[in-house]
PDB file of N, CA and C in Angstrom:
ATOM      1  N   MET A   1      72.016  32.669 -62.356  1.00  0.00           N
ATOM      2  CA  MET A   1      70.882  30.948 -62.572  1.00  0.00           C
ATOM      3  C   MET A   1      72.602  30.582 -61.584  1.00  0.00           C
ATOM      4  N   ASN A   2      72.321  29.034 -61.074  1.00  0.00           N
ATOM      5  CA  ASN A   2      73.442  28.485 -60.353  1.00  0.00           C
ATOM      6  C   ASN A   2      74.048  27.910 -61.491  1.00  0.00           C
ATOM      7  N   ILE A   3      75.314  27.897 -61.467  1.00  0.00           N
ATOM      8  CA  ILE A   3      76.495  26.831 -62.450  1.00  0.00           C
ATOM      9  C   ILE A   3      76.652  25.515 -62.388  1.00  0.00           C
ATOM     10  N   LEU A   4      75.512  24.703 -60.740  1.00  0.00           N
ATOM     11  CA  LEU A   4      74.906  23.144 -61.021  1.00  0.00           C
ATOM     12  C   LEU A   4      74.291  22.729 -62.279  1.00  0.00           C
ATOM     13  N   ILE A   5      72.701  24.313 -62.118  1.00  0.00           N
ATOM     14  CA  ILE A   5      71.875  24.540 -63.329  1.00  0.00           C
ATOM     15  C   ILE A   5      72.177  24.253 -64.918  1.00  0.00           C
ATOM     16  N   THR A   6      73.186  25.222 -64.979  1.00  0.00           N
ATOM     17  CA  THR A   6      73.583  25.577 -66.302  1.00  0.00           C
ATOM     18  C   THR A   6      74.859  24.873 -66.637  1.00  0.00           C
ATOM     19  N   ILE A   7      74.994  23.959 -65.765  1.00  0.00           N
ATOM     20  CA  ILE A   7      75.805  22.750 -66.333  1.00  0.00           C
ATOM     21  C   ILE A   7      75.306  21.591 -66.929  1.00  0.00           C
ATOM     22  N   VAL A   8      73.984  21.316 -65.956  1.00  0.00           N
ATOM     23  CA  VAL A   8      72.640  20.046 -66.154  1.00  0.00           C
ATOM     24  C   VAL A   8      72.475  20.468 -67.502  1.00  0.00           C
ATOM     25  N   LEU A   9      71.633  21.988 -67.397  1.00  0.00           N
ATOM     26  CA  LEU A   9      71.411  22.227 -68.541  1.00  0.00           C
ATOM     27  C   LEU A   9      72.189  22.543 -70.149  1.00  0.00           C
ATOM     28  N   GLY A  10      73.118  22.462 -69.652  1.00  0.00           N
ATOM     29  CA  GLY A  10      73.839  22.248 -70.879  1.00  0.00           C
ATOM     30  C   GLY A  10      74.067  21.010 -71.353  1.00  0.00           C
ATOM     31  N   VAL A  11      74.501  19.601 -70.517  1.00  0.00           N
ATOM     32  CA  VAL A  11      74.557  18.499 -71.093  1.00  0.00           C
ATOM     33  C   VAL A  11      73.063  18.297 -71.525  1.00  0.00           C
ATOM     34  N   ALA A  12      72.115  18.158 -71.016  1.00  0.00           N
ATOM     35  CA  ALA A  12      70.834  18.120 -71.854  1.00  0.00           C
ATOM     36  C   ALA A  12      70.363  18.733 -72.926  1.00  0.00           C
ATOM     37  N   VAL A  13      71.392  19.938 -73.156  1.00  0.00           N
ATOM     38  CA  VAL A  13      70.973  20.567 -74.785  1.00  0.00           C
ATOM     39  C   VAL A  13      71.639  19.789 -75.934  1.00  0.00           C
ATOM     40  N   VAL A  14      73.457  19.117 -75.557  1.00  0.00           N
ATOM     41  CA  VAL A  14      74.221  18.218 -76.103  1.00  0.00           C
ATOM     42  C   VAL A  14      73.409  16.742 -76.060  1.00  0.00           C
ATOM     43  N   LEU A  15      72.564  16.553 -75.092  1.00  0.00           N
ATOM     44  CA  LEU A  15      72.249  14.857 -75.399  1.00  0.00           C
ATOM     45  C   LEU A  15      70.827  15.432 -76.453  1.00  0.00           C
ATOM     46  N   LEU A  16      70.081  16.176 -76.187  1.00  0.00           N
ATOM     47  CA  LEU A  16      69.025  16.331 -77.054  1.00  0.00           C
ATOM     48  C   LEU A  16      69.317  16.499 -78.500  1.00  0.00           C
ATOM     49  N   THR A  17      70.289  17.213 -78.895  1.00  0.00           N
ATOM     50  CA  THR A  17      71.079  17.766 -80.000  1.00  0.00           C
ATOM     51  C   THR A  17      71.176  16.134 -80.716  1.00  0.00           C
ATOM     52  N   LEU A  18      72.174  15.424 -80.232  1.00  0.00           N
ATOM     53  CA  LEU A  18      72.679  14.411 -80.497  1.00  0.00           C
ATOM     54  C   LEU A  18      71.504  13.734 -81.026  1.00  0.00           C
ATOM     55  N   SER A  19      70.642  13.360 -79.564  1.00  0.00           N
ATOM     56  CA  SER A  19      69.317  12.488 -79.974  1.00  0.00           C
ATOM     57  C   SER A  19      68.598  12.938 -81.368  1.00  0.00           C
ATOM     58  N   ALA A  20      68.450  14.128 -81.625  1.00  0.00           N
ATOM     59  CA  ALA A  20      67.699  14.477 -82.938  1.00  0.00           C
ATOM     60  C   ALA A  20      68.513  14.136 -84.076  1.00  0.00           C
ATOM     61  N   LEU A  21      69.777  14.820 -84.065  1.00  0.00           N
ATOM     62  CA  LEU A  21      70.809  13.817 -85.193  1.00  0.00           C
ATOM     63  C   LEU A  21      70.680  12.450 -85.295  1.00  0.00           C
ATOM     64  N   ILE A  22      70.389  11.575 -84.685  1.00  0.00           N
ATOM     65  CA  ILE A  22      70.301  10.355 -84.756  1.00  0.00           C
ATOM     66  C   ILE A  22      68.959   9.985 -85.583  1.00  0.00           C
ATOM     67  N   ALA A  23      67.827  10.646 -85.077  1.00  0.00           N
ATOM     68  CA  ALA A  23      66.831  10.630 -85.157  1.00  0.00           C
ATOM     69  C   ALA A  23      66.889  10.966 -86.692  1.00  0.00           C
ATOM     70  N   VAL A  24      67.329  12.241 -87.189  1.00  0.00           N
ATOM     71  CA  VAL A  24      66.944  13.022 -88.567  1.00  0.00           C
ATOM     72  C   VAL A  24      67.762  11.781 -89.131  1.00  0.00           C
ATOM     73  N   GLU A  25      68.776  11.280 -88.729  1.00  0.00           N
ATOM     74  CA  GLU A  25      69.636  10.505 -89.501  1.00  0.00           C
ATOM     75  C   GLU A  25      69.037   8.469 -89.693  1.00  0.00           C
ATOM     76  N   ARG A  26      68.309   8.380 -89.248  1.00  0.00           N
ATOM     77  CA  ARG A  26      67.100   7.371 -89.123  1.00  0.00           C
ATOM     78  C   ARG A  26      65.941   7.526 -90.003  1.00  0.00           C
ATOM     79  N   LEU A  27      65.531   8.735 -89.767  1.00  0.00           N
ATOM     80  CA  LEU A  27      64.250   9.222 -90.976  1.00  0.00           C
ATOM     81  C   LEU A  27      65.138   9.371 -92.424  1.00  0.00           C
ATOM     82  N   ALA A  28      66.289   9.627 -92.362  1.00  0.00           N
ATOM     83  CA  ALA A  28      66.350   9.785 -93.975  1.00  0.00           C
ATOM     84  C   ALA A  28      66.726   8.719 -94.694  1.00  0.00           C
ATOM     85  N   THR A  29      67.659   7.751 -93.513  1.00  0.00           N
ATOM     86  CA  THR A  29      68.234   6.491 -94.038  1.00  0.00           C
ATOM     87  C   THR A  29      66.900   5.476 -94.183  1.00  0.00           C
ATOM     88  N   GLY A  30      66.112   5.408 -92.582  1.00  0.00           N
ATOM     89  CA  GLY A  30      65.443   4.059 -92.715  1.00  0.00           C
ATOM     90  C   GLY A  30      65.207   3.472 -93.632  1.00  0.00           C
ATOM     91  N   PRO A  31      65.525   1.804 -93.008  1.00  0.00           N
ATOM     92  CA  PRO A  31      65.000   0.980 -94.777  1.00  0.00           C
ATOM     93  C   PRO A  31      63.617   0.905 -94.833  1.00  0.00           C
ATOM     94  N   SER A  32      63.000   0.764 -93.648  1.00  0.00           N
ATOM     95  CA  SER A  32      61.282   0.587 -93.826  1.00  0.00           C
ATOM     96  C   SER A  32      60.524   1.840 -93.042  1.00  0.00           C
ATOM     97  N   GLN A  33      59.647   1.711 -93.612  1.00  0.00           N
ATOM     98  CA  GLN A  33      58.070   3.265 -93.156  1.00  0.00           C
ATOM     99  C   GLN A  33      57.858   2.908 -91.702  1.00  0.00           C
ATOM    100  N   LEU A  34      58.147   1.772 -90.574  1.00  0.00           N
ATOM    101  CA  LEU A  34      57.734   1.586 -89.291  1.00  0.00           C
ATOM    102  C   LEU A  34      59.505   2.522 -89.135  1.00  0.00           C
ATOM    103  N   ASP A  35      60.226   2.160 -89.390  1.00  0.00           N
ATOM    104  CA  ASP A  35      61.598   3.104 -88.480  1.00  0.00           C
ATOM    105  C   ASP A  35      61.800   4.867 -89.158  1.00  0.00           C
ATOM    106  N   ARG A  36      60.820   4.919 -90.265  1.00  0.00           N
ATOM    107  CA  ARG A  36      60.735   6.506 -89.876  1.00  0.00           C
ATOM    108  C   ARG A  36      59.538   6.310 -89.641  1.00  0.00           C
ATOM    109  N   SER A  37      58.665   6.555 -88.957  1.00  0.00           N
ATOM    110  CA  SER A  37      57.378   6.393 -88.428  1.00  0.00           C
ATOM    111  C   SER A  37      57.882   6.515 -87.031  1.00  0.00           C
ATOM    112  N   ILE A  38      59.029   5.612 -86.049  1.00  0.00           N
ATOM    113  CA  ILE A  38      59.003   5.544 -85.206  1.00  0.00           C
ATOM    114  C   ILE A  38      60.204   6.399 -84.960  1.00  0.00           C
ATOM    115  N   SER A  39      61.534   6.872 -86.482  1.00  0.00           N
ATOM    116  CA  SER A  39      62.503   7.978 -86.051  1.00  0.00           C
ATOM    117  C   SER A  39      61.427  10.026 -85.815  1.00  0.00           C
ATOM    118  N   SER A  40      60.535   9.498 -86.920  1.00  0.00           N
ATOM    119  CA  SER A  40      59.313  10.842 -85.832  1.00  0.00           C
ATOM    120  C   SER A  40      58.817  11.078 -84.894  1.00  0.00           C
ATOM    121  N   ASP A  41      58.754  10.326 -84.314  1.00  0.00           N
ATOM    122  CA  ASP A  41      58.239   9.805 -83.179  1.00  0.00           C
ATOM    123  C   ASP A  41      59.403  10.282 -81.911  1.00  0.00           C
ATOM    124  N   LEU A  42      60.383   9.954 -82.213  1.00  0.00           N
ATOM    125  CA  LEU A  42      61.657  10.469 -80.933  1.00  0.00           C
ATOM    126  C   LEU A  42      61.552  12.026 -81.367  1.00  0.00           C
ATOM    127  N   LEU A  43      61.763  12.300 -82.523  1.00  0.00           N
ATOM    128  CA  LEU A  43      61.841  13.842 -83.360  1.00  0.00           C
ATOM    129  C   LEU A  43      60.897  14.673 -82.219  1.00  0.00           C
ATOM    130  N   VAL A  44      60.245  13.889 -82.099  1.00  0.00           N
ATOM    131  CA  VAL A  44      58.540  14.456 -81.730  1.00  0.00           C
ATOM    132  C   VAL A  44      59.115  14.582 -79.707  1.00  0.00           C
ATOM    133  N   ALA A  45      59.585  13.467 -79.459  1.00  0.00           N
ATOM    134  CA  ALA A  45      59.986  13.784 -77.835  1.00  0.00           C
ATOM    135  C   ALA A  45      61.178  14.586 -77.353  1.00  0.00           C
ATOM    136  N   VAL A  46      62.084  14.307 -78.742  1.00  0.00           N
ATOM    137  CA  VAL A  46      63.499  15.086 -78.296  1.00  0.00           C
ATOM    138  C   VAL A  46      62.801  17.253 -78.453  1.00  0.00           C
ATOM    139  N   VAL A  47      61.491  17.376 -79.141  1.00  0.00           N
ATOM    140  CA  VAL A  47      61.040  18.703 -78.839  1.00  0.00           C
ATOM    141  C   VAL A  47      60.415  18.932 -77.685  1.00  0.00           C
ATOM    142  N   ILE A  48      59.900  17.567 -77.548  1.00  0.00           N
ATOM    143  CA  ILE A  48      59.183  18.012 -75.950  1.00  0.00           C
ATOM    144  C   ILE A  48      60.367  18.411 -75.076  1.00  0.00           C
ATOM    145  N   ALA A  49      61.108  17.636 -75.066  1.00  0.00           N
ATOM    146  CA  ALA A  49      62.066  17.682 -73.896  1.00  0.00           C
ATOM    147  C   ALA A  49      62.907  19.307 -74.002  1.00  0.00           C
ATOM    148  N   ALA A  50      63.319  19.300 -75.486  1.00  0.00           N
ATOM    149  CA  ALA A  50      64.001  20.692 -75.454  1.00  0.00           C
ATOM    150  C   ALA A  50      63.174  21.917 -75.335  1.00  0.00           C
ATOM    151  N   VAL A  51      61.681  21.979 -75.458  1.00  0.00           N
ATOM    152  CA  VAL A  51      60.637  23.128 -75.154  1.00  0.00           C
ATOM    153  C   VAL A  51      60.842  22.980 -73.216  1.00  0.00           C
ATOM    154  N   GLY A  52      60.649  21.782 -72.606  1.00  0.00           N
ATOM    155  CA  GLY A  52      60.884  21.883 -71.504  1.00  0.00           C
ATOM    156  C   GLY A  52      62.313  21.992 -71.051  1.00  0.00           C
ATOM    157  N   VAL A  53      63.726  21.815 -71.225  1.00  0.00           N
ATOM    158  CA  VAL A  53      64.700  22.174 -71.283  1.00  0.00           C
ATOM    159  C   VAL A  53      65.012  24.090 -71.517  1.00  0.00           C
ATOM    160  N   TRP A  54      64.366  24.287 -72.229  1.00  0.00           N
ATOM    161  CA  TRP A  54      64.154  25.983 -72.158  1.00  0.00           C
ATOM    162  C   TRP A  54      63.203  26.592 -70.961  1.00  0.00           C
ATOM    163  N   ALA A  55      62.074  25.913 -71.070  1.00  0.00           N
ATOM    164  CA  ALA A  55      61.136  26.368 -70.289  1.00  0.00           C
ATOM    165  C   ALA A  55      62.133  26.401 -69.046  1.00  0.00           C
ATOM    166  N   VAL A  56      62.565  25.326 -68.826  1.00  0.00           N
ATOM    167  CA  VAL A  56      63.516  25.736 -67.231  1.00  0.00           C
ATOM    168  C   VAL A  56      64.391  26.464 -67.273  1.00  0.00           C
ATOM    169  N   ALA A  57      65.469  27.252 -68.580  1.00  0.00           N
ATOM    170  CA  ALA A  57      66.250  27.771 -67.940  1.00  0.00           C
ATOM    171  C   ALA A  57      65.962  29.547 -68.281  1.00  0.00           C
ATOM    172  N   LYS A  58      64.828  29.366 -68.903  1.00  0.00           N
ATOM    173  CA  LYS A  58      64.688  30.904 -68.734  1.00  0.00           C
ATOM    174  C   LYS A  58      63.217  31.001 -67.928  1.00  0.00           C
ATOM    175  N   ARG A  59      62.469  29.725 -66.776  1.00  0.00           N
ATOM    176  CA  ARG A  59      61.775  30.010 -65.749  1.00  0.00           C
ATOM    177  C   ARG A  59      61.344  30.844 -66.196  1.00  0.00           C
ATOM    178  N   GLN A  60      60.545  29.722 -67.257  1.00  0.00           N
ATOM    179  CA  GLN A  60      58.812  30.673 -67.633  1.00  0.00           C
ATOM    180  C   GLN A  60      57.867  28.891 -68.000  1.00  0.00           C
ATOM    181  N   ASP A  61      56.320  29.080 -67.346  1.00  0.00           N
ATOM    182  CA  ASP A  61      55.623  28.265 -67.287  1.00  0.00           C
ATOM    183  C   ASP A  61      54.828  28.560 -68.519  1.00  0.00           C
ATOM    184  N   THR A  62      54.589  29.319 -69.490  1.00  0.00           N
ATOM    185  CA  THR A  62      53.547  29.552 -70.467  1.00  0.00           C
ATOM    186  C   THR A  62      54.209  28.875 -71.461  1.00  0.00           C
ATOM    187  N   GLU A  63      55.449  27.518 -71.495  1.00  0.00           N
ATOM    188  CA  GLU A  63      55.535  26.219 -72.249  1.00  0.00           C
ATOM    189  C   GLU A  63      54.475  25.163 -71.946  1.00  0.00           C
ATOM    190  N   ILE A  64      53.884  25.463 -70.964  1.00  0.00           N
ATOM    191  CA  ILE A  64      53.257  23.967 -70.412  1.00  0.00           C
ATOM    192  C   ILE A  64      52.268  23.975 -71.524  1.00  0.00           C
ATOM    193  N   ALA A  65      51.673  24.645 -72.058  1.00  0.00           N
ATOM    194  CA  ALA A  65      50.413  23.778 -72.592  1.00  0.00           C
ATOM    195  C   ALA A  65      51.356  23.553 -74.631  1.00  0.00           C
ATOM    196  N   MET A  66      52.127  24.271 -74.410  1.00  0.00           N
ATOM    197  CA  MET A  66      53.182  23.580 -75.824  1.00  0.00           C
ATOM    198  C   MET A  66      53.418  22.426 -75.571  1.00  0.00           C
ATOM    199  N   ILE A  67      54.441  22.212 -74.468  1.00  0.00           N
ATOM    200  CA  ILE A  67      54.223  20.613 -74.387  1.00  0.00           C
ATOM    201  C   ILE A  67      52.873  19.825 -74.473  1.00  0.00           C
ATOM    202  N   LEU A  68      51.992  20.244 -73.961  1.00  0.00           N
ATOM    203  CA  LEU A  68      50.656  19.465 -73.239  1.00  0.00           C
ATOM    204  C   LEU A  68      50.531  19.176 -74.876  1.00  0.00           C
ATOM    205  N   LEU A  69      50.257  20.082 -75.248  1.00  0.00           N
ATOM    206  CA  LEU A  69      50.123  19.618 -77.215  1.00  0.00           C
ATOM    207  C   LEU A  69      50.868  19.411 -78.158  1.00  0.00           C
ATOM    208  N   LEU A  70      52.433  18.494 -77.698  1.00  0.00           N
ATOM    209  CA  LEU A  70      53.105  18.024 -78.285  1.00  0.00           C
ATOM    210  C   LEU A  70      53.166  16.595 -77.566  1.00  0.00           C
ATOM    211  N   SER A  71      52.813  16.889 -76.756  1.00  0.00           N
ATOM    212  CA  SER A  71      52.611  15.384 -75.966  1.00  0.00           C
ATOM    213  C   SER A  71      51.522  14.351 -76.414  1.00  0.00           C
ATOM    214  N   MET A  72      50.022  15.421 -76.984  1.00  0.00           N
ATOM    215  CA  MET A  72      48.977  14.565 -77.302  1.00  0.00           C
ATOM    216  C   MET A  72      49.376  14.347 -79.253  1.00  0.00           C
ATOM    217  N   LEU A  73      49.581  15.029 -79.355  1.00  0.00           N
ATOM    218  CA  LEU A  73      50.044  14.256 -80.734  1.00  0.00           C
ATOM    219  C   LEU A  73      51.394  13.588 -81.051  1.00  0.00           C
ATOM    220  N   GLY A  74      52.104  13.310 -80.222  1.00  0.00           N
ATOM    221  CA  GLY A  74      53.403  12.083 -79.744  1.00  0.00           C
ATOM    222  C   GLY A  74      52.139  10.990 -80.021  1.00  0.00           C
ATOM    223  N   PHE A  75      51.384  11.133 -78.982  1.00  0.00           N
ATOM    224  CA  PHE A  75      50.713   9.797 -78.186  1.00  0.00           C
ATOM    225  C   PHE A  75      49.749   9.086 -79.541  1.00  0.00           C
ATOM    226  N   THR A  76      49.149  10.715 -80.438  1.00  0.00           N
ATOM    227  CA  THR A  76      48.088   9.995 -81.463  1.00  0.00           C
ATOM    228  C   THR A  76      49.250   9.548 -82.401  1.00  0.00           C
ATOM    229  N   GLY A  77      50.037  10.143 -82.315  1.00  0.00           N
ATOM    230  CA  GLY A  77      51.301   9.401 -84.009  1.00  0.00           C
ATOM    231  C   GLY A  77      51.908   7.876 -83.379  1.00  0.00           C
ATOM    232  N   ALA A  78      52.177   7.717 -81.973  1.00  0.00           N
ATOM    233  CA  ALA A  78      52.546   6.545 -81.691  1.00  0.00           C
ATOM    234  C   ALA A  78      51.767   4.904 -81.512  1.00  0.00           C
ATOM    235  N   VAL A  79      50.098   5.736 -81.079  1.00  0.00           N
ATOM    236  CA  VAL A  79      48.935   4.574 -81.029  1.00  0.00           C
ATOM    237  C   VAL A  79      48.708   4.557 -83.151  1.00  0.00           C
ATOM    238  N   SER A  80      48.369   5.884 -84.109  1.00  0.00           N
ATOM    239  CA  SER A  80      48.443   5.187 -84.860  1.00  0.00           C
ATOM    240  C   SER A  80      49.435   4.006 -84.978  1.00  0.00           C
ATOM    241  N   VAL A  81      50.710   5.006 -85.630  1.00  0.00           N
ATOM    242  CA  VAL A  81      51.861   3.626 -85.777  1.00  0.00           C
ATOM    243  C   VAL A  81      51.615   2.313 -85.045  1.00  0.00           C
ATOM    244  N   ALA A  82      51.131   1.954 -83.975  1.00  0.00           N
ATOM    245  CA  ALA A  82      50.841   0.854 -83.604  1.00  0.00           C
ATOM    246  C   ALA A  82      49.639   0.261 -84.113  1.00  0.00           C
ATOM    247  N   ARG A  83      49.023   0.842 -84.496  1.00  0.00           N
ATOM    248  CA  ARG A  83      47.378   0.105 -85.340  1.00  0.00           C
ATOM    249  C   ARG A  83      47.686  -0.775 -86.763  1.00  0.00           C
ATOM    250  N   MET A  84      48.645   0.496 -87.306  1.00  0.00           N
ATOM    251  CA  MET A  84      49.009   0.182 -88.211  1.00  0.00           C
ATOM    252  C   MET A  84      50.189  -1.221 -88.351  1.00  0.00           C
ATOM    253  N   VAL A  85      50.791  -1.717 -87.646  1.00  0.00           N
ATOM    254  CA  VAL A  85      51.414  -2.505 -87.356  1.00  0.00           C
ATOM    255  C   VAL A  85      51.358  -3.710 -87.253  1.00  0.00           C
ATOM    256  N   GLY A  86      49.291  -3.219 -86.552  1.00  0.00           N
ATOM    257  CA  GLY A  86      48.701  -4.875 -85.589  1.00  0.00           C
ATOM    258  C   GLY A  86      48.157  -4.608 -86.643  1.00  0.00           C
ATOM    259  N   GLU A  87      47.365  -4.267 -87.127  1.00  0.00           N
ATOM    260  CA  GLU A  87      46.746  -4.739 -89.026  1.00  0.00           C
ATOM    261  C   GLU A  87      47.066  -5.103 -89.352  1.00  0.00           C
ATOM    262  N   ARG A  88      49.011  -5.341 -89.760  1.00  0.00           N
ATOM    263  CA  ARG A  88      49.908  -5.705 -90.931  1.00  0.00           C
ATOM    264  C   ARG A  88      50.363  -7.063 -90.289  1.00  0.00           C
ATOM    265  N   VAL A  89      49.904  -7.251 -88.605  1.00  0.00           N
ATOM    266  CA  VAL A  89      49.932  -8.988 -88.213  1.00  0.00           C
ATOM    267  C   VAL A  89      48.775  -9.614 -88.743  1.00  0.00           C
ATOM    268  N   VAL A  90      47.806  -8.806 -88.263  1.00  0.00           N
ATOM    269  CA  VAL A  90      46.470  -9.409 -88.777  1.00  0.00           C
ATOM    270  C   VAL A  90      46.704 -10.494 -90.174  1.00  0.00           C
ATOM    271  N   HIS A  91      46.914  -9.607 -90.765  1.00  0.00           N
ATOM    272  CA  HIS A  91      46.604  -9.759 -92.665  1.00  0.00           C
ATOM    273  C   HIS A  91      47.789 -10.755 -93.077  1.00  0.00           C
ATOM    274  N   ARG A  92      48.885 -10.628 -92.713  1.00  0.00           N
ATOM    275  CA  ARG A  92      49.735 -11.868 -92.272  1.00  0.00           C
ATOM    276  C   ARG A  92      49.523 -13.060 -91.824  1.00  0.00           C
ATOM    277  N   ARG A  93      49.188 -13.128 -90.686  1.00  0.00           N
ATOM    278  CA  ARG A  93      48.253 -14.177 -90.302  1.00  0.00           C
ATOM    279  C   ARG A  93      47.024 -15.141 -91.235  1.00  0.00           C
ATOM    280  N   SER A  94      46.281 -13.837 -91.637  1.00  0.00           N
ATOM    281  CA  SER A  94      45.518 -14.259 -92.359  1.00  0.00           C
ATOM    282  C   SER A  94      45.469 -14.827 -93.819  1.00  0.00           C
ATOM    283  N   ASP A  95      47.047 -14.375 -93.802  1.00  0.00           N
ATOM    284  CA  ASP A  95      47.389 -14.916 -94.926  1.00  0.00           C
ATOM    285  C   ASP A  95      47.758 -16.581 -94.922  1.00  0.00           C
ATOM    286  N   ASP A  96      48.600 -16.833 -93.644  1.00  0.00           N
ATOM    287  CA  ASP A  96      49.198 -17.560 -93.924  1.00  0.00           C
ATOM    288  C   ASP A  96      48.717 -18.800 -93.231  1.00  0.00           C
ATOM    289  N   LYS A  97      47.233 -18.418 -92.638  1.00  0.00           N
ATOM    290  CA  LYS A  97      46.130 -19.704 -92.825  1.00  0.00           C
ATOM    291  C   LYS A  97      45.457 -20.323 -94.305  1.00  0.00           C
ATOM    292  N   LYS A  98      45.291 -18.968 -95.168  1.00  0.00           N
ATOM    293  CA  LYS A  98      45.247 -19.531 -95.886  1.00  0.00           C
ATOM    294  C   LYS A  98      45.907 -20.115 -96.446  1.00  0.00           C
ATOM    295  N   GLU A  99      47.202 -19.945 -96.451  1.00  0.00           N
ATOM    296  CA  GLU A  99      48.006 -21.089 -97.580  1.00  0.00           C
ATOM    297  C   GLU A  99      48.298 -21.956 -96.758  1.00  0.00           C
ATOM    298  N   ALA A 100      48.022 -22.364 -95.843  1.00  0.00           N
ATOM    299  CA  ALA A 100      47.728 -24.018 -94.817  1.00  0.00           C
ATOM    300  C   ALA A 100      47.191 -24.401 -95.337  1.00  0.00           C
ATOM    301  N   GLN A 101      45.803 -23.652 -95.444  1.00  0.00           N
ATOM    302  CA  GLN A 101      44.745 -24.235 -95.653  1.00  0.00           C
ATOM    303  C   GLN A 101      44.338 -25.292 -97.503  1.00  0.00           C
ATOM    304  N   LYS A 102      45.386 -24.491 -97.874  1.00  0.00           N
ATOM    305  CA  LYS A 102      45.308 -24.950 -99.314  1.00  0.00           C
ATOM    306  C   LYS A 102      46.555 -26.289 -99.859  1.00  0.00           C
TER     307      LYS A 102
END
């Protein structure tokens, strides 16, 4: 393998590890459920990127199915969190309107 590719892959592994540590810290200490949901979504993205880096390092294309499956899982999770937050906003607005009418 080329020395430049080895250096780039090494930097990518270090950055992905740092990102995963930050996400795990936010997952453990996040003050709200939304923070924890976002950090778990970040962890899925880090795993997807790590599988991609590993596939490049090993020069294998069999991991594409795993990357696709993890991407669909991450997308579904992000949409679920967005719907949950959207429903909370709608409930808060309707509660505010009820209080304003009193």
